[in-house]
């Protein structure tokens, strides 16, 4: 694994169009092996990546997506037991094995308490 990016995209389907259809956005994120997106509001997919989504069940906004380059999937394991049982936040936890150990990546969104 060479690089990770995390970005609060504040709605993947904003009024100006889908962010994943914007060439500038794709150019910025596409060079990374792991992409963590927050406030996606919807499932997000990108060619060449496996998509893991945890969307809010109630309220507006929120949700997270972790995109992992497909060639790394055999080194990845999603960890479910770290997600709060009350679902007060959106979280995806992924463990990525490397030659010298592993990296745990936590992609999370905690909604404001008034929403």
PDB file of N, CA and C in Angstrom:
ATOM      1  N   UNK A   1       0.848  -1.165   0.000  1.00  0.00           N
ATOM      2  CA  UNK A   1       0.000   0.000   0.000  1.00  0.00           C
ATOM      3  C   UNK A   1       0.898   1.234   0.000  1.00  0.00           C
ATOM      4  N   UNK A   2       0.639   2.126  -0.937  1.00  0.00           N
ATOM      5  CA  UNK A   2       1.489   3.300  -1.081  1.00  0.00           C
ATOM      6  C   UNK A   2       0.883   4.583  -0.546  1.00  0.00           C
ATOM      7  N   UNK A   3      -0.424   4.762  -0.699  1.00  0.00           N
ATOM      8  CA  UNK A   3      -0.980   6.046  -0.293  1.00  0.00           C
ATOM      9  C   UNK A   3      -2.455   5.942   0.090  1.00  0.00           C
ATOM     10  N   UNK A   4      -2.840   6.851   1.003  1.00  0.00           N
ATOM     11  CA  UNK A   4      -4.204   6.936   1.499  1.00  0.00           C
ATOM     12  C   UNK A   4      -4.618   8.405   1.424  1.00  0.00           C
ATOM     13  N   UNK A   5      -5.875   8.635   1.058  1.00  0.00           N
ATOM     14  CA  UNK A   5      -6.418   9.987   1.106  1.00  0.00           C
ATOM     15  C   UNK A   5      -7.743   9.937   1.849  1.00  0.00           C
ATOM     16  N   UNK A   6      -8.015  10.979   2.627  1.00  0.00           N
ATOM     17  CA  UNK A   6      -9.284  11.116   3.320  1.00  0.00           C
ATOM     18  C   UNK A   6      -9.859  12.474   2.966  1.00  0.00           C
ATOM     19  N   UNK A   7     -11.184  12.500   2.642  1.00  0.00           N
ATOM     20  CA  UNK A   7     -11.781  13.741   2.164  1.00  0.00           C
ATOM     21  C   UNK A   7     -13.247  13.777   2.562  1.00  0.00           C
ATOM     22  N   UNK A   8     -13.647  14.858   3.220  1.00  0.00           N
ATOM     23  CA  UNK A   8     -15.061  15.095   3.510  1.00  0.00           C
ATOM     24  C   UNK A   8     -15.645  15.745   2.255  1.00  0.00           C
ATOM     25  N   UNK A   9     -16.378  14.953   1.475  1.00  0.00           N
ATOM     26  CA  UNK A   9     -16.840  15.456   0.175  1.00  0.00           C
ATOM     27  C   UNK A   9     -18.203  16.134   0.250  1.00  0.00           C
ATOM     28  N   UNK A  10     -18.814  16.152   1.430  1.00  0.00           N
ATOM     29  CA  UNK A  10     -20.061  16.900   1.651  1.00  0.00           C
ATOM     30  C   UNK A  10     -21.093  16.667   0.550  1.00  0.00           C
ATOM     31  N   UNK A  11     -21.439  15.418   0.322  1.00  0.00           N
ATOM     32  CA  UNK A  11     -22.487  14.973  -0.601  1.00  0.00           C
ATOM     33  C   UNK A  11     -21.907  14.616  -1.968  1.00  0.00           C
ATOM     34  N   UNK A  12     -21.871  13.342  -2.259  1.00  0.00           N
ATOM     35  CA  UNK A  12     -21.318  12.842  -3.522  1.00  0.00           C
ATOM     36  C   UNK A  12     -22.156  13.254  -4.723  1.00  0.00           C
ATOM     37  N   UNK A  13     -23.428  13.544  -4.506  1.00  0.00           N
ATOM     38  CA  UNK A  13     -24.325  13.940  -5.598  1.00  0.00           C
ATOM     39  C   UNK A  13     -24.803  15.367  -5.394  1.00  0.00           C
ATOM     40  N   UNK A  14     -23.876  16.283  -5.259  1.00  0.00           N
ATOM     41  CA  UNK A  14     -24.247  17.676  -5.009  1.00  0.00           C
ATOM     42  C   UNK A  14     -24.993  18.275  -6.197  1.00  0.00           C
ATOM     43  N   UNK A  15     -25.493  19.478  -6.031  1.00  0.00           N
ATOM     44  CA  UNK A  15     -26.293  20.143  -7.062  1.00  0.00           C
ATOM     45  C   UNK A  15     -25.549  20.305  -8.387  1.00  0.00           C
ATOM     46  N   UNK A  16     -24.236  20.378  -8.334  1.00  0.00           N
ATOM     47  CA  UNK A  16     -23.458  20.580  -9.557  1.00  0.00           C
ATOM     48  C   UNK A  16     -23.128  19.280 -10.270  1.00  0.00           C
ATOM     49  N   UNK A  17     -23.592  18.146  -9.746  1.00  0.00           N
ATOM     50  CA  UNK A  17     -23.343  16.857 -10.381  1.00  0.00           C
ATOM     51  C   UNK A  17     -22.554  15.923  -9.481  1.00  0.00           C
ATOM     52  N   UNK A  18     -22.452  14.669  -9.918  1.00  0.00           N
ATOM     53  CA  UNK A  18     -21.734  13.652  -9.143  1.00  0.00           C
ATOM     54  C   UNK A  18     -20.240  13.959  -9.111  1.00  0.00           C
ATOM     55  N   UNK A  19     -19.675  13.944  -7.914  1.00  0.00           N
ATOM     56  CA  UNK A  19     -18.243  14.223  -7.785  1.00  0.00           C
ATOM     57  C   UNK A  19     -17.405  13.190  -8.536  1.00  0.00           C
ATOM     58  N   UNK A  20     -17.862  11.934  -8.584  1.00  0.00           N
ATOM     59  CA  UNK A  20     -17.072  10.912  -9.267  1.00  0.00           C
ATOM     60  C   UNK A  20     -17.128  11.063 -10.792  1.00  0.00           C
ATOM     61  N   UNK A  21     -17.946  11.979 -11.288  1.00  0.00           N
ATOM     62  CA  UNK A  21     -17.950  12.298 -12.719  1.00  0.00           C
ATOM     63  C   UNK A  21     -17.098  13.528 -13.028  1.00  0.00           C
ATOM     64  N   UNK A  22     -16.573  14.179 -11.999  1.00  0.00           N
ATOM     65  CA  UNK A  22     -15.735  15.371 -12.155  1.00  0.00           C
ATOM     66  C   UNK A  22     -14.286  14.932 -12.377  1.00  0.00           C
ATOM     67  N   UNK A  23     -13.722  15.203 -13.562  1.00  0.00           N
ATOM     68  CA  UNK A  23     -12.357  14.736 -13.871  1.00  0.00           C
ATOM     69  C   UNK A  23     -11.304  15.248 -12.893  1.00  0.00           C
ATOM     70  N   UNK A  24     -11.446  16.457 -12.387  1.00  0.00           N
ATOM     71  CA  UNK A  24     -10.466  16.997 -11.437  1.00  0.00           C
ATOM     72  C   UNK A  24     -10.509  16.238 -10.110  1.00  0.00           C
ATOM     73  N   UNK A  25     -11.707  15.948  -9.635  1.00  0.00           N
ATOM     74  CA  UNK A  25     -11.864  15.189  -8.393  1.00  0.00           C
ATOM     75  C   UNK A  25     -11.263  13.791  -8.553  1.00  0.00           C
ATOM     76  N   UNK A  26     -11.603  13.126  -9.638  1.00  0.00           N
ATOM     77  CA  UNK A  26     -11.100  11.768  -9.892  1.00  0.00           C
ATOM     78  C   UNK A  26      -9.588  11.775 -10.032  1.00  0.00           C
ATOM     79  N   UNK A  27      -9.033  12.786 -10.673  1.00  0.00           N
ATOM     80  CA  UNK A  27      -7.579  12.884 -10.843  1.00  0.00           C
ATOM     81  C   UNK A  27      -6.881  12.970  -9.482  1.00  0.00           C
ATOM     82  N   UNK A  28      -7.464  13.731  -8.557  1.00  0.00           N
ATOM     83  CA  UNK A  28      -6.862  13.902  -7.234  1.00  0.00           C
ATOM     84  C   UNK A  28      -6.904  12.607  -6.430  1.00  0.00           C
ATOM     85  N   UNK A  29      -8.052  11.939  -6.429  1.00  0.00           N
ATOM     86  CA  UNK A  29      -8.180  10.765  -5.552  1.00  0.00           C
ATOM     87  C   UNK A  29      -7.696   9.470  -6.194  1.00  0.00           C
ATOM     88  N   UNK A  30      -7.687   9.386  -7.512  1.00  0.00           N
ATOM     89  CA  UNK A  30      -7.432   8.128  -8.215  1.00  0.00           C
ATOM     90  C   UNK A  30      -6.016   7.590  -8.044  1.00  0.00           C
ATOM     91  N   UNK A  31      -5.073   8.396  -7.649  1.00  0.00           N
ATOM     92  CA  UNK A  31      -3.703   7.925  -7.485  1.00  0.00           C
ATOM     93  C   UNK A  31      -3.449   7.227  -6.164  1.00  0.00           C
ATOM     94  N   UNK A  32      -4.475   7.059  -5.353  1.00  0.00           N
ATOM     95  CA  UNK A  32      -4.320   6.497  -4.010  1.00  0.00           C
ATOM     96  C   UNK A  32      -4.806   5.053  -3.954  1.00  0.00           C
ATOM     97  N   UNK A  33      -4.180   4.263  -3.089  1.00  0.00           N
ATOM     98  CA  UNK A  33      -4.592   2.867  -2.918  1.00  0.00           C
ATOM     99  C   UNK A  33      -5.836   2.737  -2.059  1.00  0.00           C
ATOM    100  N   UNK A  34      -5.981   3.623  -1.074  1.00  0.00           N
ATOM    101  CA  UNK A  34      -7.144   3.628  -0.201  1.00  0.00           C
ATOM    102  C   UNK A  34      -7.710   5.045  -0.184  1.00  0.00           C
ATOM    103  N   UNK A  35      -9.028   5.150  -0.393  1.00  0.00           N
ATOM    104  CA  UNK A  35      -9.708   6.441  -0.405  1.00  0.00           C
ATOM    105  C   UNK A  35     -10.806   6.399   0.646  1.00  0.00           C
ATOM    106  N   UNK A  36     -10.731   7.296   1.632  1.00  0.00           N
ATOM    107  CA  UNK A  36     -11.745   7.382   2.684  1.00  0.00           C
ATOM    108  C   UNK A  36     -12.542   8.661   2.457  1.00  0.00           C
ATOM    109  N   UNK A  37     -13.836   8.508   2.221  1.00  0.00           N
ATOM    110  CA  UNK A  37     -14.711   9.651   1.964  1.00  0.00           C
ATOM    111  C   UNK A  37     -15.750   9.764   3.068  1.00  0.00           C
ATOM    112  N   UNK A  38     -15.997  10.978   3.530  1.00  0.00           N
ATOM    113  CA  UNK A  38     -16.998  11.220   4.550  1.00  0.00           C
ATOM    114  C   UNK A  38     -18.108  12.105   3.978  1.00  0.00           C
ATOM    115  N   UNK A  39     -19.271  12.032   4.603  1.00  0.00           N
ATOM    116  CA  UNK A  39     -20.482  12.756   4.197  1.00  0.00           C
ATOM    117  C   UNK A  39     -20.829  12.460   2.741  1.00  0.00           C
ATOM    118  N   UNK A  40     -20.818  11.189   2.395  1.00  0.00           N
ATOM    119  CA  UNK A  40     -21.100  10.791   1.017  1.00  0.00           C
ATOM    120  C   UNK A  40     -22.585  10.840   0.683  1.00  0.00           C
ATOM    121  N   UNK A  41     -23.439  10.611   1.644  1.00  0.00           N
ATOM    122  CA  UNK A  41     -24.913  10.628   1.485  1.00  0.00           C
ATOM    123  C   UNK A  41     -25.444   9.524   0.577  1.00  0.00           C
ATOM    124  N   UNK A  42     -24.592   8.818  -0.105  1.00  0.00           N
ATOM    125  CA  UNK A  42     -25.006   7.765  -1.026  1.00  0.00           C
ATOM    126  C   UNK A  42     -23.833   6.808  -1.244  1.00  0.00           C
ATOM    127  N   UNK A  43     -24.105   5.658  -1.854  1.00  0.00           N
ATOM    128  CA  UNK A  43     -23.007   4.753  -2.189  1.00  0.00           C
ATOM    129  C   UNK A  43     -22.133   5.386  -3.255  1.00  0.00           C
ATOM    130  N   UNK A  44     -20.832   5.210  -3.115  1.00  0.00           N
ATOM    131  CA  UNK A  44     -19.874   5.768  -4.067  1.00  0.00           C
ATOM    132  C   UNK A  44     -19.072   4.617  -4.652  1.00  0.00           C
ATOM    133  N   UNK A  45     -18.918   4.610  -5.962  1.00  0.00           N
ATOM    134  CA  UNK A  45     -18.094   3.610  -6.634  1.00  0.00           C
ATOM    135  C   UNK A  45     -17.111   4.317  -7.544  1.00  0.00           C
ATOM    136  N   UNK A  46     -16.021   3.639  -7.839  1.00  0.00           N
ATOM    137  CA  UNK A  46     -15.001   4.170  -8.725  1.00  0.00           C
ATOM    138  C   UNK A  46     -14.349   2.984  -9.429  1.00  0.00           C
ATOM    139  N   UNK A  47     -14.181   3.039 -10.750  1.00  0.00           N
ATOM    140  CA  UNK A  47     -13.556   1.924 -11.469  1.00  0.00           C
ATOM    141  C   UNK A  47     -12.185   1.579 -10.882  1.00  0.00           C
ATOM    142  N   UNK A  48     -11.932   0.282 -10.723  1.00  0.00           N
ATOM    143  CA  UNK A  48     -10.653  -0.187 -10.206  1.00  0.00           C
ATOM    144  C   UNK A  48     -10.604  -0.326  -8.693  1.00  0.00           C
ATOM    145  N   UNK A  49     -11.687   0.062  -8.013  1.00  0.00           N
ATOM    146  CA  UNK A  49     -11.741   0.023  -6.558  1.00  0.00           C
ATOM    147  C   UNK A  49     -12.935  -0.805  -6.089  1.00  0.00           C
ATOM    148  N   UNK A  50     -12.764  -1.458  -4.945  1.00  0.00           N
ATOM    149  CA  UNK A  50     -13.879  -2.101  -4.258  1.00  0.00           C
ATOM    150  C   UNK A  50     -14.436  -1.063  -3.289  1.00  0.00           C
ATOM    151  N   UNK A  51     -15.750  -0.965  -3.230  1.00  0.00           N
ATOM    152  CA  UNK A  51     -16.404   0.075  -2.450  1.00  0.00           C
ATOM    153  C   UNK A  51     -17.082  -0.517  -1.212  1.00  0.00           C
ATOM    154  N   UNK A  52     -16.803   0.081  -0.046  1.00  0.00           N
ATOM    155  CA  UNK A  52     -17.451  -0.298   1.208  1.00  0.00           C
ATOM    156  C   UNK A  52     -18.152   0.947   1.737  1.00  0.00           C
ATOM    157  N   UNK A  53     -19.473   0.863   1.928  1.00  0.00           N
ATOM    158  CA  UNK A  53     -20.273   2.012   2.315  1.00  0.00           C
ATOM    159  C   UNK A  53     -20.976   1.775   3.637  1.00  0.00           C
ATOM    160  N   UNK A  54     -21.036   2.804   4.464  1.00  0.00           N
ATOM    161  CA  UNK A  54     -21.834   2.793   5.681  1.00  0.00           C
ATOM    162  C   UNK A  54     -22.604   4.108   5.689  1.00  0.00           C
ATOM    163  N   UNK A  55     -23.893   4.026   5.356  1.00  0.00           N
ATOM    164  CA  UNK A  55     -24.715   5.219   5.190  1.00  0.00           C
ATOM    165  C   UNK A  55     -25.612   5.445   6.389  1.00  0.00           C
ATOM    166  N   UNK A  56     -25.935   6.700   6.664  1.00  0.00           N
ATOM    167  CA  UNK A  56     -26.853   7.027   7.754  1.00  0.00           C
ATOM    168  C   UNK A  56     -28.235   6.502   7.432  1.00  0.00           C
ATOM    169  N   UNK A  57     -28.875   5.951   8.452  1.00  0.00           N
ATOM    170  CA  UNK A  57     -30.226   5.415   8.271  1.00  0.00           C
ATOM    171  C   UNK A  57     -31.285   6.487   8.502  1.00  0.00           C
ATOM    172  N   UNK A  58     -30.957   7.501   9.315  1.00  0.00           N
ATOM    173  CA  UNK A  58     -31.885   8.589   9.596  1.00  0.00           C
ATOM    174  C   UNK A  58     -31.134   9.909   9.516  1.00  0.00           C
ATOM    175  N   UNK A  59     -31.859  10.987   9.346  1.00  0.00           N
ATOM    176  CA  UNK A  59     -31.239  12.304   9.289  1.00  0.00           C
ATOM    177  C   UNK A  59     -30.694  12.617   7.915  1.00  0.00           C
ATOM    178  N   UNK A  60     -30.206  13.831   7.782  1.00  0.00           N
ATOM    179  CA  UNK A  60     -29.657  14.281   6.504  1.00  0.00           C
ATOM    180  C   UNK A  60     -28.134  14.140   6.518  1.00  0.00           C
ATOM    181  N   UNK A  61     -27.577  13.970   5.347  1.00  0.00           N
ATOM    182  CA  UNK A  61     -26.127  13.951   5.211  1.00  0.00           C
ATOM    183  C   UNK A  61     -25.489  12.708   5.796  1.00  0.00           C
ATOM    184  N   UNK A  62     -24.210  12.830   6.080  1.00  0.00           N
ATOM    185  CA  UNK A  62     -23.459  11.756   6.699  1.00  0.00           C
ATOM    186  C   UNK A  62     -23.109  10.629   5.751  1.00  0.00           C
ATOM    187  N   UNK A  63     -22.678   9.545   6.332  1.00  0.00           N
ATOM    188  CA  UNK A  63     -22.268   8.374   5.569  1.00  0.00           C
ATOM    189  C   UNK A  63     -20.787   8.410   5.231  1.00  0.00           C
ATOM    190  N   UNK A  64     -20.207   7.223   5.137  1.00  0.00           N
ATOM    191  CA  UNK A  64     -18.799   7.112   4.747  1.00  0.00           C
ATOM    192  C   UNK A  64     -18.652   6.028   3.692  1.00  0.00           C
ATOM    193  N   UNK A  65     -17.639   6.189   2.875  1.00  0.00           N
ATOM    194  CA  UNK A  65     -17.265   5.192   1.880  1.00  0.00           C
ATOM    195  C   UNK A  65     -15.757   5.006   1.951  1.00  0.00           C
ATOM    196  N   UNK A  66     -15.326   3.753   1.979  1.00  0.00           N
ATOM    197  CA  UNK A  66     -13.910   3.435   1.853  1.00  0.00           C
ATOM    198  C   UNK A  66     -13.739   2.683   0.542  1.00  0.00           C
ATOM    199  N   UNK A  67     -12.889   3.213  -0.318  1.00  0.00           N
ATOM    200  CA  UNK A  67     -12.581   2.588  -1.605  1.00  0.00           C
ATOM    201  C   UNK A  67     -11.179   2.005  -1.520  1.00  0.00           C
ATOM    202  N   UNK A  68     -11.055   0.715  -1.860  1.00  0.00           N
ATOM    203  CA  UNK A  68      -9.764   0.032  -1.802  1.00  0.00           C
ATOM    204  C   UNK A  68      -9.425  -0.494  -3.183  1.00  0.00           C
ATOM    205  N   UNK A  69      -8.222  -0.157  -3.631  1.00  0.00           N
ATOM    206  CA  UNK A  69      -7.785  -0.627  -4.945  1.00  0.00           C
ATOM    207  C   UNK A  69      -7.884  -2.146  -4.991  1.00  0.00           C
ATOM    208  N   UNK A  70      -8.481  -2.662  -6.049  1.00  0.00           N
ATOM    209  CA  UNK A  70      -8.792  -4.104  -6.131  1.00  0.00           C
ATOM    210  C   UNK A  70      -7.560  -4.994  -5.964  1.00  0.00           C
ATOM    211  N   UNK A  71      -6.419  -4.568  -6.398  1.00  0.00           N
ATOM    212  CA  UNK A  71      -5.223  -5.410  -6.279  1.00  0.00           C
ATOM    213  C   UNK A  71      -4.780  -5.589  -4.828  1.00  0.00           C
ATOM    214  N   UNK A  72      -5.340  -4.790  -3.909  1.00  0.00           N
ATOM    215  CA  UNK A  72      -5.003  -4.905  -2.486  1.00  0.00           C
ATOM    216  C   UNK A  72      -6.017  -5.709  -1.681  1.00  0.00           C
ATOM    217  N   UNK A  73      -7.114  -6.105  -2.301  1.00  0.00           N
ATOM    218  CA  UNK A  73      -8.197  -6.756  -1.558  1.00  0.00           C
ATOM    219  C   UNK A  73      -7.755  -7.996  -0.802  1.00  0.00           C
ATOM    220  N   UNK A  74      -6.827  -8.755  -1.358  1.00  0.00           N
ATOM    221  CA  UNK A  74      -6.389  -9.976  -0.676  1.00  0.00           C
ATOM    222  C   UNK A  74      -5.592  -9.672   0.597  1.00  0.00           C
ATOM    223  N   UNK A  75      -5.194  -8.418   0.789  1.00  0.00           N
ATOM    224  CA  UNK A  75      -4.461  -8.019   1.993  1.00  0.00           C
ATOM    225  C   UNK A  75      -5.349  -7.297   3.004  1.00  0.00           C
ATOM    226  N   UNK A  76      -6.635  -7.153   2.689  1.00  0.00           N
ATOM    227  CA  UNK A  76      -7.540  -6.355   3.522  1.00  0.00           C
ATOM    228  C   UNK A  76      -8.564  -7.209   4.246  1.00  0.00           C
ATOM    229  N   UNK A  77      -8.923  -6.723   5.430  1.00  0.00           N
ATOM    230  CA  UNK A  77      -9.977  -7.364   6.214  1.00  0.00           C
ATOM    231  C   UNK A  77     -10.774  -6.261   6.887  1.00  0.00           C
ATOM    232  N   UNK A  78     -12.087  -6.288   6.678  1.00  0.00           N
ATOM    233  CA  UNK A  78     -12.945  -5.346   7.389  1.00  0.00           C
ATOM    234  C   UNK A  78     -13.148  -5.844   8.807  1.00  0.00           C
ATOM    235  N   UNK A  79     -13.099  -4.923   9.769  1.00  0.00           N
ATOM    236  CA  UNK A  79     -13.248  -5.267  11.172  1.00  0.00           C
ATOM    237  C   UNK A  79     -14.580  -4.693  11.642  1.00  0.00           C
ATOM    238  N   UNK A  80     -15.537  -5.561  11.928  1.00  0.00           N
ATOM    239  CA  UNK A  80     -16.888  -5.124  12.285  1.00  0.00           C
ATOM    240  C   UNK A  80     -17.046  -4.788  13.763  1.00  0.00           C
ATOM    241  N   UNK A  81     -16.276  -5.434  14.637  1.00  0.00           N
ATOM    242  CA  UNK A  81     -16.550  -5.300  16.068  1.00  0.00           C
ATOM    243  C   UNK A  81     -16.180  -3.945  16.654  1.00  0.00           C
ATOM    244  N   UNK A  82     -15.572  -3.062  15.892  1.00  0.00           N
ATOM    245  CA  UNK A  82     -15.215  -1.745  16.396  1.00  0.00           C
ATOM    246  C   UNK A  82     -16.314  -0.716  16.143  1.00  0.00           C
ATOM    247  N   UNK A  83     -17.377  -1.105  15.450  1.00  0.00           N
ATOM    248  CA  UNK A  83     -18.455  -0.178  15.141  1.00  0.00           C
ATOM    249  C   UNK A  83     -19.399  -0.110  16.340  1.00  0.00           C
ATOM    250  N   UNK A  84     -19.728   1.097  16.823  1.00  0.00           N
ATOM    251  CA  UNK A  84     -20.613   1.211  17.994  1.00  0.00           C
ATOM    252  C   UNK A  84     -21.963   0.550  17.745  1.00  0.00           C
ATOM    253  N   UNK A  85     -22.456  -0.153  18.761  1.00  0.00           N
ATOM    254  CA  UNK A  85     -23.717  -0.875  18.595  1.00  0.00           C
ATOM    255  C   UNK A  85     -24.913   0.065  18.459  1.00  0.00           C
ATOM    256  N   UNK A  86     -24.795   1.293  18.936  1.00  0.00           N
ATOM    257  CA  UNK A  86     -25.925   2.218  18.844  1.00  0.00           C
ATOM    258  C   UNK A  86     -25.984   2.945  17.502  1.00  0.00           C
ATOM    259  N   UNK A  87     -25.004   2.696  16.640  1.00  0.00           N
ATOM    260  CA  UNK A  87     -24.971   3.284  15.288  1.00  0.00           C
ATOM    261  C   UNK A  87     -25.002   4.813  15.340  1.00  0.00           C
ATOM    262  N   UNK A  88     -24.392   5.407  16.380  1.00  0.00           N
ATOM    263  CA  UNK A  88     -24.381   6.852  16.535  1.00  0.00           C
ATOM    264  C   UNK A  88     -23.440   7.537  15.549  1.00  0.00           C
ATOM    265  N   UNK A  89     -22.663   6.769  14.843  1.00  0.00           N
ATOM    266  CA  UNK A  89     -21.764   7.316  13.826  1.00  0.00           C
ATOM    267  C   UNK A  89     -21.611   6.305  12.706  1.00  0.00           C
ATOM    268  N   UNK A  90     -21.110   6.763  11.586  1.00  0.00           N
ATOM    269  CA  UNK A  90     -20.806   5.869  10.469  1.00  0.00           C
ATOM    270  C   UNK A  90     -19.324   5.553  10.526  1.00  0.00           C
ATOM    271  N   UNK A  91     -18.996   4.260  10.467  1.00  0.00           N
ATOM    272  CA  UNK A  91     -17.597   3.850  10.595  1.00  0.00           C
ATOM    273  C   UNK A  91     -17.318   2.622   9.741  1.00  0.00           C
ATOM    274  N   UNK A  92     -16.191   2.660   9.046  1.00  0.00           N
ATOM    275  CA  UNK A  92     -15.657   1.489   8.355  1.00  0.00           C
ATOM    276  C   UNK A  92     -14.222   1.327   8.832  1.00  0.00           C
ATOM    277  N   UNK A  93     -13.912   0.166   9.381  1.00  0.00           N
ATOM    278  CA  UNK A  93     -12.570  -0.119   9.877  1.00  0.00           C
ATOM    279  C   UNK A  93     -11.983  -1.220   9.008  1.00  0.00           C
ATOM    280  N   UNK A  94     -10.810  -0.959   8.457  1.00  0.00           N
ATOM    281  CA  UNK A  94     -10.157  -1.911   7.561  1.00  0.00           C
ATOM    282  C   UNK A  94      -8.721  -2.145   8.025  1.00  0.00           C
ATOM    283  N   UNK A  95      -8.343  -3.398   8.096  1.00  0.00           N
ATOM    284  CA  UNK A  95      -6.960  -3.767   8.427  1.00  0.00           C
ATOM    285  C   UNK A  95      -6.282  -4.191   7.133  1.00  0.00           C
ATOM    286  N   UNK A  96      -5.157  -3.551   6.829  1.00  0.00           N
ATOM    287  CA  UNK A  96      -4.400  -3.852   5.612  1.00  0.00           C
ATOM    288  C   UNK A  96      -3.060  -4.449   6.012  1.00  0.00           C
ATOM    289  N   UNK A  97      -2.833  -5.710   5.612  1.00  0.00           N
ATOM    290  CA  UNK A  97      -1.565  -6.378   5.902  1.00  0.00           C
ATOM    291  C   UNK A  97      -0.478  -5.841   4.982  1.00  0.00           C
ATOM    292  N   UNK A  98       0.719  -5.716   5.554  1.00  0.00           N
ATOM    293  CA  UNK A  98       1.891  -5.298   4.794  1.00  0.00           C
ATOM    294  C   UNK A  98       3.025  -6.254   5.130  1.00  0.00           C
ATOM    295  N   UNK A  99       4.111  -6.146   4.401  1.00  0.00           N
ATOM    296  CA  UNK A  99       5.242  -7.048   4.626  1.00  0.00           C
ATOM    297  C   UNK A  99       5.781  -6.955   6.044  1.00  0.00           C
ATOM    298  N   UNK A 100       5.743  -5.770   6.642  1.00  0.00           N
ATOM    299  CA  UNK A 100       6.319  -5.571   7.965  1.00  0.00           C
ATOM    300  C   UNK A 100       5.267  -5.407   9.069  1.00  0.00           C
ATOM    301  N   UNK A 101       4.045  -5.869   8.823  1.00  0.00           N
ATOM    302  CA  UNK A 101       2.984  -5.755   9.831  1.00  0.00           C
ATOM    303  C   UNK A 101       1.651  -5.418   9.183  1.00  0.00           C
ATOM    304  N   UNK A 102       0.944  -4.473   9.776  1.00  0.00           N
ATOM    305  CA  UNK A 102      -0.338  -4.076   9.209  1.00  0.00           C
ATOM    306  C   UNK A 102      -0.666  -2.640   9.592  1.00  0.00           C
ATOM    307  N   UNK A 103      -1.629  -2.069   8.893  1.00  0.00           N
ATOM    308  CA  UNK A 103      -2.143  -0.729   9.159  1.00  0.00           C
ATOM    309  C   UNK A 103      -3.641  -0.864   9.363  1.00  0.00           C
ATOM    310  N   UNK A 104      -4.170  -0.205  10.380  1.00  0.00           N
ATOM    311  CA  UNK A 104      -5.612  -0.163  10.592  1.00  0.00           C
ATOM    312  C   UNK A 104      -6.094   1.221  10.152  1.00  0.00           C
ATOM    313  N   UNK A 105      -7.056   1.228   9.237  1.00  0.00           N
ATOM    314  CA  UNK A 105      -7.602   2.471   8.703  1.00  0.00           C
ATOM    315  C   UNK A 105      -9.030   2.620   9.219  1.00  0.00           C
ATOM    316  N   UNK A 106      -9.328   3.743   9.846  1.00  0.00           N
ATOM    317  CA  UNK A 106     -10.662   4.019  10.373  1.00  0.00           C
ATOM    318  C   UNK A 106     -11.240   5.199   9.605  1.00  0.00           C
ATOM    319  N   UNK A 107     -12.318   4.943   8.886  1.00  0.00           N
ATOM    320  CA  UNK A 107     -13.042   5.975   8.141  1.00  0.00           C
ATOM    321  C   UNK A 107     -14.330   6.220   8.903  1.00  0.00           C
ATOM    322  N   UNK A 108     -14.489   7.410   9.485  1.00  0.00           N
ATOM    323  CA  UNK A 108     -15.646   7.642  10.346  1.00  0.00           C
ATOM    324  C   UNK A 108     -16.251   9.017  10.161  1.00  0.00           C
ATOM    325  N   UNK A 109     -17.540   9.096  10.442  1.00  0.00           N
ATOM    326  CA  UNK A 109     -18.275  10.355  10.440  1.00  0.00           C
ATOM    327  C   UNK A 109     -19.183  10.366  11.659  1.00  0.00           C
ATOM    328  N   UNK A 110     -19.056  11.411  12.477  1.00  0.00           N
ATOM    329  CA  UNK A 110     -19.914  11.585  13.641  1.00  0.00           C
ATOM    330  C   UNK A 110     -20.822  12.770  13.337  1.00  0.00           C
ATOM    331  N   UNK A 111     -22.116  12.526  13.205  1.00  0.00           N
ATOM    332  CA  UNK A 111     -23.024  13.626  12.865  1.00  0.00           C
ATOM    333  C   UNK A 111     -23.163  14.620  14.019  1.00  0.00           C
ATOM    334  N   UNK A 112     -23.449  15.884  13.678  1.00  0.00           N
ATOM    335  CA  UNK A 112     -23.701  16.861  14.743  1.00  0.00           C
ATOM    336  C   UNK A 112     -24.867  16.389  15.612  1.00  0.00           C
ATOM    337  N   UNK A 113     -24.831  16.698  16.877  1.00  0.00           N
ATOM    338  CA  UNK A 113     -25.851  16.217  17.805  1.00  0.00           C
ATOM    339  C   UNK A 113     -27.235  16.826  17.554  1.00  0.00           C
ATOM    340  N   UNK A 114     -27.303  17.939  16.833  1.00  0.00           N
ATOM    341  CA  UNK A 114     -28.596  18.578  16.588  1.00  0.00           C
ATOM    342  C   UNK A 114     -29.232  18.186  15.263  1.00  0.00           C
ATOM    343  N   UNK A 115     -28.708  17.177  14.584  1.00  0.00           N
ATOM    344  CA  UNK A 115     -29.291  16.789  13.292  1.00  0.00           C
ATOM    345  C   UNK A 115     -29.850  15.400  13.347  1.00  0.00           C
TER     346      UNK A 115
END
